[in-house]
Amino acid sequence: MYDLTGFQRDLLYVIAGEDDPHGLAIKEELEEYYETEIHHGRLYPNLDTLVDKGLVDKGELDRRTNYYALTQRGEREIEARREWEEQYLDQEGELQVGQIAEAE
């Protein structure tokens, strides 16, 4: 997942948290999080990148609507990312004191 942009990682997390969401549902979730409009020209090329990388499957709900679902590889990548992040957090999910001191 190291080669993904932050936006692409956010897409993965939204897809993981929903049951086979369609593009508009993903767009609405991200707009709420980012508090700004997400344009189709940004959303769909990034979704296609995730499909091309084998992290997301794309299927057809109807002639105009696609759904997206994590692949097993996508699930493994999210789990690996979570494990990597947890090494920098304590049991309560807070930054470790040593990490804060080093950042200052």
PDB file of N, CA and C in Angstrom:
ATOM      1  N   MET A   1       0.821  -1.189   0.000  1.00  0.00           N
ATOM      2  CA  MET A   1       0.000   0.000   0.000  1.00  0.00           C
ATOM      3  C   MET A   1       0.866   1.254   0.000  1.00  0.00           C
ATOM      4  N   TYR A   2       2.154   1.066   0.120  1.00  0.00           N
ATOM      5  CA  TYR A   2       3.096   2.189   0.155  1.00  0.00           C
ATOM      6  C   TYR A   2       3.050   3.036  -1.108  1.00  0.00           C
ATOM      7  N   ASP A   3       2.615   2.454  -2.211  1.00  0.00           N
ATOM      8  CA  ASP A   3       2.608   3.194  -3.472  1.00  0.00           C
ATOM      9  C   ASP A   3       1.275   3.880  -3.753  1.00  0.00           C
ATOM     10  N   LEU A   4       0.351   3.862  -2.803  1.00  0.00           N
ATOM     11  CA  LEU A   4      -0.936   4.522  -2.984  1.00  0.00           C
ATOM     12  C   LEU A   4      -0.883   5.942  -2.436  1.00  0.00           C
ATOM     13  N   THR A   5      -1.689   6.804  -3.023  1.00  0.00           N
ATOM     14  CA  THR A   5      -1.844   8.144  -2.468  1.00  0.00           C
ATOM     15  C   THR A   5      -2.744   8.061  -1.234  1.00  0.00           C
ATOM     16  N   GLY A   6      -2.754   9.107  -0.442  1.00  0.00           N
ATOM     17  CA  GLY A   6      -3.651   9.158   0.707  1.00  0.00           C
ATOM     18  C   GLY A   6      -5.106   9.036   0.277  1.00  0.00           C
ATOM     19  N   PHE A   7      -5.449   9.667  -0.836  1.00  0.00           N
ATOM     20  CA  PHE A   7      -6.818   9.586  -1.348  1.00  0.00           C
ATOM     21  C   PHE A   7      -7.173   8.150  -1.713  1.00  0.00           C
ATOM     22  N   GLN A   8      -6.255   7.441  -2.348  1.00  0.00           N
ATOM     23  CA  GLN A   8      -6.511   6.052  -2.716  1.00  0.00           C
ATOM     24  C   GLN A   8      -6.665   5.175  -1.476  1.00  0.00           C
ATOM     25  N   ARG A   9      -5.867   5.431  -0.443  1.00  0.00           N
ATOM     26  CA  ARG A   9      -6.035   4.687   0.814  1.00  0.00           C
ATOM     27  C   ARG A   9      -7.405   4.973   1.417  1.00  0.00           C
ATOM     28  N   ASP A  10      -7.825   6.230   1.377  1.00  0.00           N
ATOM     29  CA  ASP A  10      -9.149   6.569   1.893  1.00  0.00           C
ATOM     30  C   ASP A  10     -10.240   5.847   1.110  1.00  0.00           C
ATOM     31  N   LEU A  11     -10.081   5.751  -0.191  1.00  0.00           N
ATOM     32  CA  LEU A  11     -11.035   4.994  -1.002  1.00  0.00           C
ATOM     33  C   LEU A  11     -11.114   3.548  -0.526  1.00  0.00           C
ATOM     34  N   LEU A  12      -9.961   2.930  -0.281  1.00  0.00           N
ATOM     35  CA  LEU A  12      -9.943   1.542   0.193  1.00  0.00           C
ATOM     36  C   LEU A  12     -10.704   1.399   1.503  1.00  0.00           C
ATOM     37  N   TYR A  13     -10.464   2.317   2.434  1.00  0.00           N
ATOM     38  CA  TYR A  13     -11.136   2.238   3.730  1.00  0.00           C
ATOM     39  C   TYR A  13     -12.645   2.417   3.592  1.00  0.00           C
ATOM     40  N   VAL A  14     -13.088   3.324   2.746  1.00  0.00           N
ATOM     41  CA  VAL A  14     -14.528   3.512   2.537  1.00  0.00           C
ATOM     42  C   VAL A  14     -15.134   2.253   1.930  1.00  0.00           C
ATOM     43  N   ILE A  15     -14.486   1.681   0.940  1.00  0.00           N
ATOM     44  CA  ILE A  15     -14.997   0.464   0.310  1.00  0.00           C
ATOM     45  C   ILE A  15     -15.050  -0.670   1.329  1.00  0.00           C
ATOM     46  N   ALA A  16     -14.035  -0.758   2.186  1.00  0.00           N
ATOM     47  CA  ALA A  16     -13.998  -1.805   3.211  1.00  0.00           C
ATOM     48  C   ALA A  16     -15.136  -1.645   4.214  1.00  0.00           C
ATOM     49  N   GLY A  17     -15.546  -0.409   4.469  1.00  0.00           N
ATOM     50  CA  GLY A  17     -16.566  -0.150   5.475  1.00  0.00           C
ATOM     51  C   GLY A  17     -17.991  -0.236   4.972  1.00  0.00           C
ATOM     52  N   GLU A  18     -18.179  -0.438   3.701  1.00  0.00           N
ATOM     53  CA  GLU A  18     -19.513  -0.510   3.109  1.00  0.00           C
ATOM     54  C   GLU A  18     -19.703  -1.872   2.437  1.00  0.00           C
ATOM     55  N   ASP A  19     -20.945  -2.249   2.189  1.00  0.00           N
ATOM     56  CA  ASP A  19     -21.233  -3.490   1.465  1.00  0.00           C
ATOM     57  C   ASP A  19     -21.355  -3.187  -0.020  1.00  0.00           C
ATOM     58  N   ASP A  20     -20.293  -3.478  -0.760  1.00  0.00           N
ATOM     59  CA  ASP A  20     -20.262  -3.283  -2.213  1.00  0.00           C
ATOM     60  C   ASP A  20     -20.838  -1.926  -2.637  1.00  0.00           C
ATOM     61  N   PRO A  21     -20.236  -0.839  -2.167  1.00  0.00           N
ATOM     62  CA  PRO A  21     -20.778   0.482  -2.483  1.00  0.00           C
ATOM     63  C   PRO A  21     -20.614   0.832  -3.962  1.00  0.00           C
ATOM     64  N   HIS A  22     -21.527   1.647  -4.451  1.00  0.00           N
ATOM     65  CA  HIS A  22     -21.408   2.173  -5.811  1.00  0.00           C
ATOM     66  C   HIS A  22     -20.646   3.490  -5.742  1.00  0.00           C
ATOM     67  N   GLY A  23     -20.242   3.981  -6.892  1.00  0.00           N
ATOM     68  CA  GLY A  23     -19.392   5.162  -6.955  1.00  0.00           C
ATOM     69  C   GLY A  23     -19.963   6.374  -6.244  1.00  0.00           C
ATOM     70  N   LEU A  24     -21.261   6.616  -6.402  1.00  0.00           N
ATOM     71  CA  LEU A  24     -21.875   7.787  -5.780  1.00  0.00           C
ATOM     72  C   LEU A  24     -21.843   7.683  -4.255  1.00  0.00           C
ATOM     73  N   ALA A  25     -22.060   6.487  -3.712  1.00  0.00           N
ATOM     74  CA  ALA A  25     -22.009   6.299  -2.254  1.00  0.00           C
ATOM     75  C   ALA A  25     -20.597   6.560  -1.731  1.00  0.00           C
ATOM     76  N   ILE A  26     -19.598   6.103  -2.463  1.00  0.00           N
ATOM     77  CA  ILE A  26     -18.201   6.345  -2.085  1.00  0.00           C
ATOM     78  C   ILE A  26     -17.916   7.843  -2.129  1.00  0.00           C
ATOM     79  N   LYS A  27     -18.363   8.481  -3.200  1.00  0.00           N
ATOM     80  CA  LYS A  27     -18.168   9.926  -3.374  1.00  0.00           C
ATOM     81  C   LYS A  27     -18.782  10.697  -2.204  1.00  0.00           C
ATOM     82  N   GLU A  28     -19.999  10.336  -1.806  1.00  0.00           N
ATOM     83  CA  GLU A  28     -20.683  11.033  -0.720  1.00  0.00           C
ATOM     84  C   GLU A  28     -19.950  10.856   0.610  1.00  0.00           C
ATOM     85  N   GLU A  29     -19.468   9.657   0.881  1.00  0.00           N
ATOM     86  CA  GLU A  29     -18.703   9.413   2.111  1.00  0.00           C
ATOM     87  C   GLU A  29     -17.445  10.279   2.158  1.00  0.00           C
ATOM     88  N   LEU A  30     -16.728  10.318   1.052  1.00  0.00           N
ATOM     89  CA  LEU A  30     -15.492  11.097   1.009  1.00  0.00           C
ATOM     90  C   LEU A  30     -15.758  12.597   1.082  1.00  0.00           C
ATOM     91  N   GLU A  31     -16.835  13.044   0.463  1.00  0.00           N
ATOM     92  CA  GLU A  31     -17.182  14.468   0.539  1.00  0.00           C
ATOM     93  C   GLU A  31     -17.498  14.870   1.977  1.00  0.00           C
ATOM     94  N   GLU A  32     -18.150  13.979   2.707  1.00  0.00           N
ATOM     95  CA  GLU A  32     -18.438  14.265   4.115  1.00  0.00           C
ATOM     96  C   GLU A  32     -17.136  14.335   4.916  1.00  0.00           C
ATOM     97  N   TYR A  33     -16.229  13.415   4.661  1.00  0.00           N
ATOM     98  CA  TYR A  33     -14.957  13.381   5.384  1.00  0.00           C
ATOM     99  C   TYR A  33     -14.075  14.585   5.034  1.00  0.00           C
ATOM    100  N   TYR A  34     -13.918  14.848   3.741  1.00  0.00           N
ATOM    101  CA  TYR A  34     -13.051  15.939   3.294  1.00  0.00           C
ATOM    102  C   TYR A  34     -13.709  17.316   3.401  1.00  0.00           C
ATOM    103  N   GLU A  35     -15.022  17.332   3.573  1.00  0.00           N
ATOM    104  CA  GLU A  35     -15.792  18.572   3.640  1.00  0.00           C
ATOM    105  C   GLU A  35     -15.611  19.427   2.393  1.00  0.00           C
ATOM    106  N   THR A  36     -15.548  18.760   1.262  1.00  0.00           N
ATOM    107  CA  THR A  36     -15.448  19.442  -0.030  1.00  0.00           C
ATOM    108  C   THR A  36     -15.960  18.499  -1.111  1.00  0.00           C
ATOM    109  N   GLU A  37     -16.285  19.062  -2.259  1.00  0.00           N
ATOM    110  CA  GLU A  37     -16.783  18.254  -3.361  1.00  0.00           C
ATOM    111  C   GLU A  37     -15.660  17.416  -3.964  1.00  0.00           C
ATOM    112  N   ILE A  38     -15.970  16.156  -4.233  1.00  0.00           N
ATOM    113  CA  ILE A  38     -15.051  15.257  -4.927  1.00  0.00           C
ATOM    114  C   ILE A  38     -15.561  15.136  -6.360  1.00  0.00           C
ATOM    115  N   HIS A  39     -14.782  15.561  -7.306  1.00  0.00           N
ATOM    116  CA  HIS A  39     -15.196  15.536  -8.706  1.00  0.00           C
ATOM    117  C   HIS A  39     -15.010  14.144  -9.303  1.00  0.00           C
ATOM    118  N   HIS A  40     -15.863  13.821 -10.249  1.00  0.00           N
ATOM    119  CA  HIS A  40     -15.798  12.520 -10.923  1.00  0.00           C
ATOM    120  C   HIS A  40     -14.427  12.287 -11.540  1.00  0.00           C
ATOM    121  N   GLY A  41     -13.808  13.355 -12.041  1.00  0.00           N
ATOM    122  CA  GLY A  41     -12.495  13.245 -12.669  1.00  0.00           C
ATOM    123  C   GLY A  41     -11.393  12.863 -11.698  1.00  0.00           C
ATOM    124  N   ARG A  42     -11.653  13.012 -10.431  1.00  0.00           N
ATOM    125  CA  ARG A  42     -10.701  12.559  -9.407  1.00  0.00           C
ATOM    126  C   ARG A  42     -11.085  11.171  -8.890  1.00  0.00           C
ATOM    127  N   LEU A  43     -12.370  10.964  -8.665  1.00  0.00           N
ATOM    128  CA  LEU A  43     -12.853   9.725  -8.055  1.00  0.00           C
ATOM    129  C   LEU A  43     -12.622   8.502  -8.934  1.00  0.00           C
ATOM    130  N   TYR A  44     -13.158   8.523 -10.136  1.00  0.00           N
ATOM    131  CA  TYR A  44     -13.174   7.302 -10.946  1.00  0.00           C
ATOM    132  C   TYR A  44     -11.801   6.872 -11.459  1.00  0.00           C
ATOM    133  N   PRO A  45     -10.919   7.780 -11.845  1.00  0.00           N
ATOM    134  CA  PRO A  45      -9.570   7.321 -12.208  1.00  0.00           C
ATOM    135  C   PRO A  45      -8.842   6.663 -11.033  1.00  0.00           C
ATOM    136  N   ASN A  46      -9.062   7.171  -9.825  1.00  0.00           N
ATOM    137  CA  ASN A  46      -8.429   6.569  -8.654  1.00  0.00           C
ATOM    138  C   ASN A  46      -9.043   5.214  -8.323  1.00  0.00           C
ATOM    139  N   LEU A  47     -10.347   5.075  -8.492  1.00  0.00           N
ATOM    140  CA  LEU A  47     -10.975   3.762  -8.318  1.00  0.00           C
ATOM    141  C   LEU A  47     -10.420   2.779  -9.346  1.00  0.00           C
ATOM    142  N   ASP A  48     -10.273   3.232 -10.585  1.00  0.00           N
ATOM    143  CA  ASP A  48      -9.720   2.362 -11.631  1.00  0.00           C
ATOM    144  C   ASP A  48      -8.291   1.936 -11.303  1.00  0.00           C
ATOM    145  N   THR A  49      -7.511   2.824 -10.706  1.00  0.00           N
ATOM    146  CA  THR A  49      -6.150   2.472 -10.292  1.00  0.00           C
ATOM    147  C   THR A  49      -6.181   1.348  -9.268  1.00  0.00           C
ATOM    148  N   LEU A  50      -7.101   1.432  -8.308  1.00  0.00           N
ATOM    149  CA  LEU A  50      -7.216   0.381  -7.295  1.00  0.00           C
ATOM    150  C   LEU A  50      -7.635  -0.945  -7.916  1.00  0.00           C
ATOM    151  N   VAL A  51      -8.495  -0.879  -8.920  1.00  0.00           N
ATOM    152  CA  VAL A  51      -8.895  -2.090  -9.648  1.00  0.00           C
ATOM    153  C   VAL A  51      -7.691  -2.653 -10.394  1.00  0.00           C
ATOM    154  N   ASP A  52      -6.959  -1.798 -11.094  1.00  0.00           N
ATOM    155  CA  ASP A  52      -5.785  -2.236 -11.861  1.00  0.00           C
ATOM    156  C   ASP A  52      -4.717  -2.854 -10.971  1.00  0.00           C
ATOM    157  N   LYS A  53      -4.596  -2.380  -9.738  1.00  0.00           N
ATOM    158  CA  LYS A  53      -3.600  -2.912  -8.802  1.00  0.00           C
ATOM    159  C   LYS A  53      -4.071  -4.194  -8.122  1.00  0.00           C
ATOM    160  N   GLY A  54      -5.312  -4.600  -8.402  1.00  0.00           N
ATOM    161  CA  GLY A  54      -5.828  -5.835  -7.819  1.00  0.00           C
ATOM    162  C   GLY A  54      -6.295  -5.701  -6.383  1.00  0.00           C
ATOM    163  N   LEU A  55      -6.527  -4.482  -5.932  1.00  0.00           N
ATOM    164  CA  LEU A  55      -6.968  -4.249  -4.557  1.00  0.00           C
ATOM    165  C   LEU A  55      -8.485  -4.192  -4.435  1.00  0.00           C
ATOM    166  N   VAL A  56      -9.149  -3.895  -5.550  1.00  0.00           N
ATOM    167  CA  VAL A  56     -10.600  -3.719  -5.580  1.00  0.00           C
ATOM    168  C   VAL A  56     -11.153  -4.415  -6.816  1.00  0.00           C
ATOM    169  N   ASP A  57     -12.304  -5.062  -6.641  1.00  0.00           N
ATOM    170  CA  ASP A  57     -13.052  -5.604  -7.774  1.00  0.00           C
ATOM    171  C   ASP A  57     -14.144  -4.612  -8.149  1.00  0.00           C
ATOM    172  N   LYS A  58     -14.419  -4.532  -9.429  1.00  0.00           N
ATOM    173  CA  LYS A  58     -15.466  -3.647  -9.947  1.00  0.00           C
ATOM    174  C   LYS A  58     -16.486  -4.524 -10.650  1.00  0.00           C
ATOM    175  N   GLY A  59     -17.755  -4.354 -10.291  1.00  0.00           N
ATOM    176  CA  GLY A  59     -18.822  -5.118 -10.927  1.00  0.00           C
ATOM    177  C   GLY A  59     -19.941  -4.191 -11.353  1.00  0.00           C
ATOM    178  N   GLU A  60     -20.890  -4.729 -12.069  1.00  0.00           N
ATOM    179  CA  GLU A  60     -21.979  -3.927 -12.617  1.00  0.00           C
ATOM    180  C   GLU A  60     -23.274  -4.223 -11.873  1.00  0.00           C
ATOM    181  N   LEU A  61     -23.887  -3.177 -11.308  1.00  0.00           N
ATOM    182  CA  LEU A  61     -25.206  -3.315 -10.692  1.00  0.00           C
ATOM    183  C   LEU A  61     -26.294  -3.216 -11.753  1.00  0.00           C
ATOM    184  N   ASP A  62     -26.156  -2.251 -12.623  1.00  0.00           N
ATOM    185  CA  ASP A  62     -27.038  -2.092 -13.776  1.00  0.00           C
ATOM    186  C   ASP A  62     -26.224  -1.416 -14.874  1.00  0.00           C
ATOM    187  N   ARG A  63     -26.862  -1.032 -15.947  1.00  0.00           N
ATOM    188  CA  ARG A  63     -26.118  -0.504 -17.096  1.00  0.00           C
ATOM    189  C   ARG A  63     -25.357   0.781 -16.776  1.00  0.00           C
ATOM    190  N   ARG A  64     -25.778   1.498 -15.738  1.00  0.00           N
ATOM    191  CA  ARG A  64     -25.144   2.785 -15.430  1.00  0.00           C
ATOM    192  C   ARG A  64     -24.392   2.804 -14.106  1.00  0.00           C
ATOM    193  N   THR A  65     -24.522   1.754 -13.317  1.00  0.00           N
ATOM    194  CA  THR A  65     -23.984   1.791 -11.956  1.00  0.00           C
ATOM    195  C   THR A  65     -23.035   0.630 -11.703  1.00  0.00           C
ATOM    196  N   ASN A  66     -21.843   0.952 -11.244  1.00  0.00           N
ATOM    197  CA  ASN A  66     -20.867  -0.072 -10.856  1.00  0.00           C
ATOM    198  C   ASN A  66     -20.778  -0.136  -9.342  1.00  0.00           C
ATOM    199  N   TYR A  67     -20.436  -1.321  -8.841  1.00  0.00           N
ATOM    200  CA  TYR A  67     -20.153  -1.457  -7.415  1.00  0.00           C
ATOM    201  C   TYR A  67     -18.686  -1.821  -7.257  1.00  0.00           C
ATOM    202  N   TYR A  68     -18.182  -1.617  -6.069  1.00  0.00           N
ATOM    203  CA  TYR A  68     -16.773  -1.878  -5.776  1.00  0.00           C
ATOM    204  C   TYR A  68     -16.681  -2.718  -4.509  1.00  0.00           C
ATOM    205  N   ALA A  69     -15.754  -3.659  -4.502  1.00  0.00           N
ATOM    206  CA  ALA A  69     -15.545  -4.525  -3.342  1.00  0.00           C
ATOM    207  C   ALA A  69     -14.062  -4.808  -3.198  1.00  0.00           C
ATOM    208  N   LEU A  70     -13.605  -4.908  -1.959  1.00  0.00           N
ATOM    209  CA  LEU A  70     -12.202  -5.247  -1.721  1.00  0.00           C
ATOM    210  C   LEU A  70     -11.914  -6.666  -2.172  1.00  0.00           C
ATOM    211  N   THR A  71     -10.760  -6.858  -2.733  1.00  0.00           N
ATOM    212  CA  THR A  71     -10.276  -8.207  -3.015  1.00  0.00           C
ATOM    213  C   THR A  71      -9.582  -8.720  -1.752  1.00  0.00           C
ATOM    214  N   GLN A  72      -9.210  -9.992  -1.763  1.00  0.00           N
ATOM    215  CA  GLN A  72      -8.448 -10.525  -0.630  1.00  0.00           C
ATOM    216  C   GLN A  72      -7.139  -9.760  -0.480  1.00  0.00           C
ATOM    217  N   ARG A  73      -6.529  -9.422  -1.590  1.00  0.00           N
ATOM    218  CA  ARG A  73      -5.286  -8.644  -1.528  1.00  0.00           C
ATOM    219  C   ARG A  73      -5.539  -7.283  -0.888  1.00  0.00           C
ATOM    220  N   GLY A  74      -6.643  -6.641  -1.255  1.00  0.00           N
ATOM    221  CA  GLY A  74      -6.996  -5.359  -0.652  1.00  0.00           C
ATOM    222  C   GLY A  74      -7.182  -5.475   0.850  1.00  0.00           C
ATOM    223  N   GLU A  75      -7.834  -6.549   1.289  1.00  0.00           N
ATOM    224  CA  GLU A  75      -8.015  -6.780   2.725  1.00  0.00           C
ATOM    225  C   GLU A  75      -6.673  -6.968   3.418  1.00  0.00           C
ATOM    226  N   ARG A  76      -5.777  -7.741   2.804  1.00  0.00           N
ATOM    227  CA  ARG A  76      -4.449  -7.963   3.392  1.00  0.00           C
ATOM    228  C   ARG A  76      -3.667  -6.659   3.488  1.00  0.00           C
ATOM    229  N   GLU A  77      -3.777  -5.820   2.467  1.00  0.00           N
ATOM    230  CA  GLU A  77      -3.064  -4.539   2.475  1.00  0.00           C
ATOM    231  C   GLU A  77      -3.570  -3.625   3.585  1.00  0.00           C
ATOM    232  N   ILE A  78      -4.879  -3.601   3.800  1.00  0.00           N
ATOM    233  CA  ILE A  78      -5.435  -2.788   4.884  1.00  0.00           C
ATOM    234  C   ILE A  78      -4.956  -3.316   6.230  1.00  0.00           C
ATOM    235  N   GLU A  79      -4.963  -4.628   6.399  1.00  0.00           N
ATOM    236  CA  GLU A  79      -4.499  -5.216   7.659  1.00  0.00           C
ATOM    237  C   GLU A  79      -3.021  -4.913   7.887  1.00  0.00           C
ATOM    238  N   ALA A  80      -2.210  -5.007   6.857  1.00  0.00           N
ATOM    239  CA  ALA A  80      -0.782  -4.700   6.990  1.00  0.00           C
ATOM    240  C   ALA A  80      -0.590  -3.229   7.360  1.00  0.00           C
ATOM    241  N   ARG A  81      -1.365  -2.354   6.778  1.00  0.00           N
ATOM    242  CA  ARG A  81      -1.273  -0.925   7.098  1.00  0.00           C
ATOM    243  C   ARG A  81      -1.657  -0.680   8.552  1.00  0.00           C
ATOM    244  N   ARG A  82      -2.728  -1.353   8.998  1.00  0.00           N
ATOM    245  CA  ARG A  82      -3.174  -1.201  10.381  1.00  0.00           C
ATOM    246  C   ARG A  82      -2.076  -1.655  11.346  1.00  0.00           C
ATOM    247  N   GLU A  83      -1.451  -2.777  11.057  1.00  0.00           N
ATOM    248  CA  GLU A  83      -0.365  -3.276  11.907  1.00  0.00           C
ATOM    249  C   GLU A  83       0.802  -2.287  11.933  1.00  0.00           C
ATOM    250  N   TRP A  84       1.128  -1.725  10.797  1.00  0.00           N
ATOM    251  CA  TRP A  84       2.213  -0.750  10.725  1.00  0.00           C
ATOM    252  C   TRP A  84       1.889   0.479  11.576  1.00  0.00           C
ATOM    253  N   GLU A  85       0.651   0.982  11.468  1.00  0.00           N
ATOM    254  CA  GLU A  85       0.250   2.154  12.243  1.00  0.00           C
ATOM    255  C   GLU A  85       0.260   1.864  13.740  1.00  0.00           C
ATOM    256  N   GLU A  86      -0.177   0.663  14.127  1.00  0.00           N
ATOM    257  CA  GLU A  86      -0.289   0.321  15.544  1.00  0.00           C
ATOM    258  C   GLU A  86       1.059   0.316  16.256  1.00  0.00           C
ATOM    259  N   GLN A  87       2.133   0.093  15.538  1.00  0.00           N
ATOM    260  CA  GLN A  87       3.432   0.098  16.200  1.00  0.00           C
ATOM    261  C   GLN A  87       3.797   1.487  16.727  1.00  0.00           C
ATOM    262  N   TYR A  88       3.108   2.503  16.241  1.00  0.00           N
ATOM    263  CA  TYR A  88       3.371   3.874  16.672  1.00  0.00           C
ATOM    264  C   TYR A  88       2.331   4.390  17.665  1.00  0.00           C
ATOM    265  N   LEU A  89       1.397   3.529  18.042  1.00  0.00           N
ATOM    266  CA  LEU A  89       0.341   3.910  18.972  1.00  0.00           C
ATOM    267  C   LEU A  89       0.415   3.042  20.219  1.00  0.00           C
ATOM    268  N   ASP A  90      -0.060   3.572  21.348  1.00  0.00           N
ATOM    269  CA  ASP A  90      -0.132   2.745  22.552  1.00  0.00           C
ATOM    270  C   ASP A  90      -1.457   1.983  22.557  1.00  0.00           C
ATOM    271  N   GLN A  91      -1.764   1.312  23.642  1.00  0.00           N
ATOM    272  CA  GLN A  91      -2.963   0.471  23.731  1.00  0.00           C
ATOM    273  C   GLN A  91      -4.261   1.254  23.533  1.00  0.00           C
ATOM    274  N   GLU A  92      -4.266   2.526  23.903  1.00  0.00           N
ATOM    275  CA  GLU A  92      -5.478   3.340  23.773  1.00  0.00           C
ATOM    276  C   GLU A  92      -5.574   4.034  22.415  1.00  0.00           C
ATOM    277  N   GLY A  93      -4.640   3.757  21.535  1.00  0.00           N
ATOM    278  CA  GLY A  93      -4.667   4.383  20.220  1.00  0.00           C
ATOM    279  C   GLY A  93      -4.063   5.771  20.194  1.00  0.00           C
ATOM    280  N   GLU A  94      -3.372   6.144  21.265  1.00  0.00           N
ATOM    281  CA  GLU A  94      -2.718   7.446  21.340  1.00  0.00           C
ATOM    282  C   GLU A  94      -1.276   7.314  20.862  1.00  0.00           C
ATOM    283  N   LEU A  95      -0.714   8.417  20.372  1.00  0.00           N
ATOM    284  CA  LEU A  95       0.696   8.415  19.999  1.00  0.00           C
ATOM    285  C   LEU A  95       1.542   8.095  21.217  1.00  0.00           C
ATOM    286  N   GLN A  96       2.570   7.314  21.025  1.00  0.00           N
ATOM    287  CA  GLN A  96       3.470   6.998  22.125  1.00  0.00           C
ATOM    288  C   GLN A  96       4.257   8.249  22.502  1.00  0.00           C
ATOM    289  N   VAL A  97       4.530   8.416  23.786  1.00  0.00           N
ATOM    290  CA  VAL A  97       5.204   9.613  24.295  1.00  0.00           C
ATOM    291  C   VAL A  97       6.543   9.830  23.608  1.00  0.00           C
ATOM    292  N   GLY A  98       7.311   8.782  23.397  1.00  0.00           N
ATOM    293  CA  GLY A  98       8.607   8.914  22.731  1.00  0.00           C
ATOM    294  C   GLY A  98       8.466   9.468  21.330  1.00  0.00           C
ATOM    295  N   GLN A  99       7.403   9.101  20.648  1.00  0.00           N
ATOM    296  CA  GLN A  99       7.182   9.594  19.293  1.00  0.00           C
ATOM    297  C   GLN A  99       6.877  11.087  19.302  1.00  0.00           C
ATOM    298  N   ILE A 100       6.135  11.535  20.300  1.00  0.00           N
ATOM    299  CA  ILE A 100       5.793  12.956  20.385  1.00  0.00           C
ATOM    300  C   ILE A 100       7.046  13.768  20.683  1.00  0.00           C
ATOM    301  N   ALA A 101       7.863  13.295  21.618  1.00  0.00           N
ATOM    302  CA  ALA A 101       9.087  14.011  21.983  1.00  0.00           C
ATOM    303  C   ALA A 101      10.029  14.122  20.791  1.00  0.00           C
ATOM    304  N   GLU A 102      10.121  13.053  19.999  1.00  0.00           N
ATOM    305  CA  GLU A 102      11.000  13.078  18.829  1.00  0.00           C
ATOM    306  C   GLU A 102      10.491  14.042  17.772  1.00  0.00           C
ATOM    307  N   ALA A 103       9.177  14.218  17.688  1.00  0.00           N
ATOM    308  CA  ALA A 103       8.592  15.084  16.667  1.00  0.00           C
ATOM    309  C   ALA A 103       8.799  16.562  16.996  1.00  0.00           C
ATOM    310  N   GLU A 104       9.005  16.876  18.261  1.00  0.00           N
ATOM    311  CA  GLU A 104       9.130  18.296  18.657  1.00  0.00           C
ATOM    312  C   GLU A 104      10.486  18.862  18.413  1.00  0.00           C
TER     313      GLU A 104
END
